[in-house]
Amino acid sequence: MNAYDEYMKQVVKPMREELVEAGFTELTTADAVNEFMAEAKGTSLVVINSVCGCAAGLARPAAREAVEAVKPDHLVTVFAGQDPEATVAMRGFFEDVPPSSPSMAILKDGELAYFIPREQIEGFPVEQIVTHLTGVLEQTCEK
């Protein structure tokens, strides 16, 4: 591993841990994504994590707060820019949606039910993102 890769691994460690500590499972390889998706029954929240400020200040805090109110069956995350194969594999399951990070996908039995792109995260108050995500999770988890 070169110095840059090692540096980035250390920089993103707390960004990864923030979601893991909230109960999310990190999918770091394409195989892990494919295995998860092959067995994903019920409702899943997928957070496409990122190193940007809107991920740190908005997306991750909103996801953590929303799942305290409404708990889907599965919580998973891939990290754009850090785990490229996993991210590409996950995005392949909702390929009609342009790549966006951070973003959140709500899946029902492995099928995309709703997508929140970066454009609906960046520039919005965290409370509004929490309300948006919580509302979608409530509707999706009830079905």
Protein backbone atom coordinates (compact mmCIF):
# COMPACT_ATOMS: atom_id res chain seq x y z
CA MET A 1 0.00 0.00 0.00
CA ASN A 2 1.41 3.39 -0.90
CA ALA A 3 1.57 6.38 1.44
CA TYR A 4 -1.44 8.08 -0.17
CA ASP A 5 -3.66 5.00 0.23
CA GLU A 6 -2.61 4.61 3.85
CA TYR A 7 -3.27 8.29 4.54
CA MET A 8 -6.74 8.11 2.97
CA LYS A 9 -7.54 4.94 4.91
CA GLN A 10 -6.83 6.80 8.15
CA VAL A 11 -8.68 9.96 7.07
CA VAL A 12 -11.90 8.12 6.23
CA LYS A 13 -11.86 5.79 9.24
CA PRO A 14 -14.08 8.03 11.42
CA MET A 15 -16.38 8.63 8.43
CA ARG A 16 -16.87 4.89 8.09
CA GLU A 17 -17.28 4.34 11.82
CA GLU A 18 -20.02 6.97 12.11
CA LEU A 19 -22.43 4.77 10.15
CA VAL A 20 -21.13 1.44 11.46
CA GLU A 21 -21.71 2.65 15.04
CA ALA A 22 -25.31 3.43 14.04
CA GLY A 23 -25.85 -0.17 12.94
CA PHE A 24 -24.92 0.00 9.25
CA THR A 25 -22.97 -2.83 7.65
CA GLU A 26 -20.16 -1.73 5.36
CA LEU A 27 -20.06 -3.44 2.00
CA THR A 28 -16.50 -2.94 0.80
CA THR A 29 -16.32 -5.30 -2.18
CA ALA A 30 -18.46 -6.04 -5.22
CA ASP A 31 -18.89 -9.60 -3.92
CA ALA A 32 -20.24 -8.31 -0.59
CA VAL A 33 -22.73 -6.07 -2.44
CA ASN A 34 -23.86 -8.90 -4.71
CA GLU A 35 -24.25 -11.31 -1.77
CA PHE A 36 -26.29 -8.75 0.17
CA MET A 37 -28.52 -7.92 -2.78
CA ALA A 38 -29.15 -11.61 -3.55
CA GLU A 39 -30.65 -12.04 -0.09
CA ALA A 40 -32.10 -8.56 0.62
CA LYS A 41 -35.68 -9.15 1.73
CA GLY A 42 -37.79 -6.44 3.29
CA THR A 43 -36.71 -2.82 3.44
CA SER A 44 -33.07 -1.74 3.11
CA LEU A 45 -31.51 1.68 3.52
CA VAL A 46 -28.33 2.07 1.48
CA VAL A 47 -26.16 5.09 2.22
CA ILE A 48 -23.58 5.91 -0.43
CA ASN A 49 -21.03 7.57 1.82
CA SER A 50 -18.53 10.22 0.80
CA VAL A 51 -15.71 12.33 2.23
CA CYS A 52 -17.40 15.63 1.34
CA GLY A 53 -18.75 18.13 3.82
CA CYS A 54 -22.39 17.44 2.97
CA ALA A 55 -21.86 13.78 3.86
CA ALA A 56 -20.26 14.74 7.19
CA GLY A 57 -22.63 17.49 8.17
CA LEU A 58 -25.86 16.34 6.55
CA ALA A 59 -26.14 12.83 5.07
CA ARG A 60 -24.57 10.72 7.82
CA PRO A 61 -26.21 12.62 10.70
CA ALA A 62 -29.59 12.51 8.92
CA ALA A 63 -29.31 8.78 8.25
CA ARG A 64 -28.35 8.08 11.86
CA GLU A 65 -31.25 10.12 13.22
CA ALA A 66 -33.83 8.75 10.77
CA VAL A 67 -33.06 5.11 11.59
CA GLU A 68 -33.53 5.84 15.28
CA ALA A 69 -37.15 6.76 14.44
CA VAL A 70 -37.84 4.12 11.76
CA LYS A 71 -35.67 1.01 11.55
CA PRO A 72 -35.59 -0.73 8.17
CA ASP A 73 -34.77 -4.44 8.01
CA HIS A 74 -31.27 -3.76 6.67
CA LEU A 75 -28.81 -0.87 6.97
CA VAL A 76 -25.85 -0.96 4.58
CA THR A 77 -23.32 1.48 3.23
CA VAL A 78 -20.77 1.70 0.43
CA PHE A 79 -18.10 4.37 0.33
CA ALA A 80 -17.77 6.27 -2.96
CA GLY A 81 -14.18 7.05 -3.85
CA GLN A 82 -12.83 4.60 -1.27
CA ASP A 83 -14.39 1.28 -2.23
CA PRO A 84 -14.93 1.83 -5.96
CA GLU A 85 -15.82 -1.77 -6.88
CA ALA A 86 -18.48 -1.97 -4.15
CA THR A 87 -19.88 1.42 -5.11
CA VAL A 88 -20.10 0.54 -8.80
CA ALA A 89 -21.73 -2.80 -7.94
CA MET A 90 -24.34 -1.13 -5.71
CA ARG A 91 -25.07 1.58 -8.26
CA GLY A 92 -25.60 -1.17 -10.81
CA PHE A 93 -28.73 -2.21 -8.93
CA PHE A 94 -30.27 1.21 -9.62
CA GLU A 95 -28.55 2.09 -12.88
CA ASP A 96 -31.35 4.37 -14.12
CA VAL A 97 -30.29 6.83 -11.40
CA PRO A 98 -27.22 8.99 -12.16
CA PRO A 99 -24.28 8.42 -9.77
CA SER A 100 -24.50 10.71 -6.76
CA SER A 101 -22.61 10.87 -3.50
CA PRO A 102 -23.55 11.17 -0.85
CA SER A 103 -26.94 9.68 -1.54
CA MET A 104 -29.45 7.28 -0.04
CA ALA A 105 -31.40 4.49 -1.65
CA ILE A 106 -34.39 2.82 -0.09
CA LEU A 107 -34.89 -0.70 -1.42
CA LYS A 108 -37.86 -3.00 -1.06
CA ASP A 109 -36.98 -6.67 -1.56
CA GLY A 110 -33.83 -5.59 -3.41
CA GLU A 111 -35.66 -3.24 -5.80
CA LEU A 112 -35.20 0.53 -5.74
CA ALA A 113 -38.23 2.10 -4.09
CA TYR A 114 -36.88 5.64 -3.57
CA PHE A 115 -33.67 7.56 -4.10
CA ILE A 116 -32.37 10.70 -2.40
CA PRO A 117 -29.55 12.18 -4.51
CA ARG A 118 -26.91 14.65 -3.38
CA GLU A 119 -29.05 17.48 -4.83
CA GLN A 120 -31.66 16.75 -2.14
CA ILE A 121 -29.02 16.67 0.61
CA GLU A 122 -26.50 19.43 -0.10
CA GLY A 123 -27.74 22.85 0.98
CA PHE A 124 -30.73 21.57 2.97
CA PRO A 125 -30.99 21.74 6.76
CA VAL A 126 -30.26 18.38 8.40
CA GLU A 127 -33.71 18.46 10.04
CA GLN A 128 -35.36 18.63 6.63
CA ILE A 129 -33.33 15.67 5.36
CA VAL A 130 -34.25 13.67 8.48
CA THR A 131 -37.94 14.46 7.95
CA HIS A 132 -37.71 13.51 4.26
CA LEU A 133 -35.89 10.23 4.93
CA THR A 134 -38.06 9.31 7.92
CA GLY A 135 -41.22 9.87 5.87
CA VAL A 136 -39.97 7.68 3.04
CA LEU A 137 -38.89 4.95 5.47
CA GLU A 138 -42.27 5.02 7.22
CA GLN A 139 -44.08 4.58 3.91
CA THR A 140 -41.71 1.91 2.59
CA CYS A 141 -41.50 -0.11 5.81
CA GLU A 142 -45.32 -0.22 6.11
CA LYS A 143 -45.84 -1.79 2.69
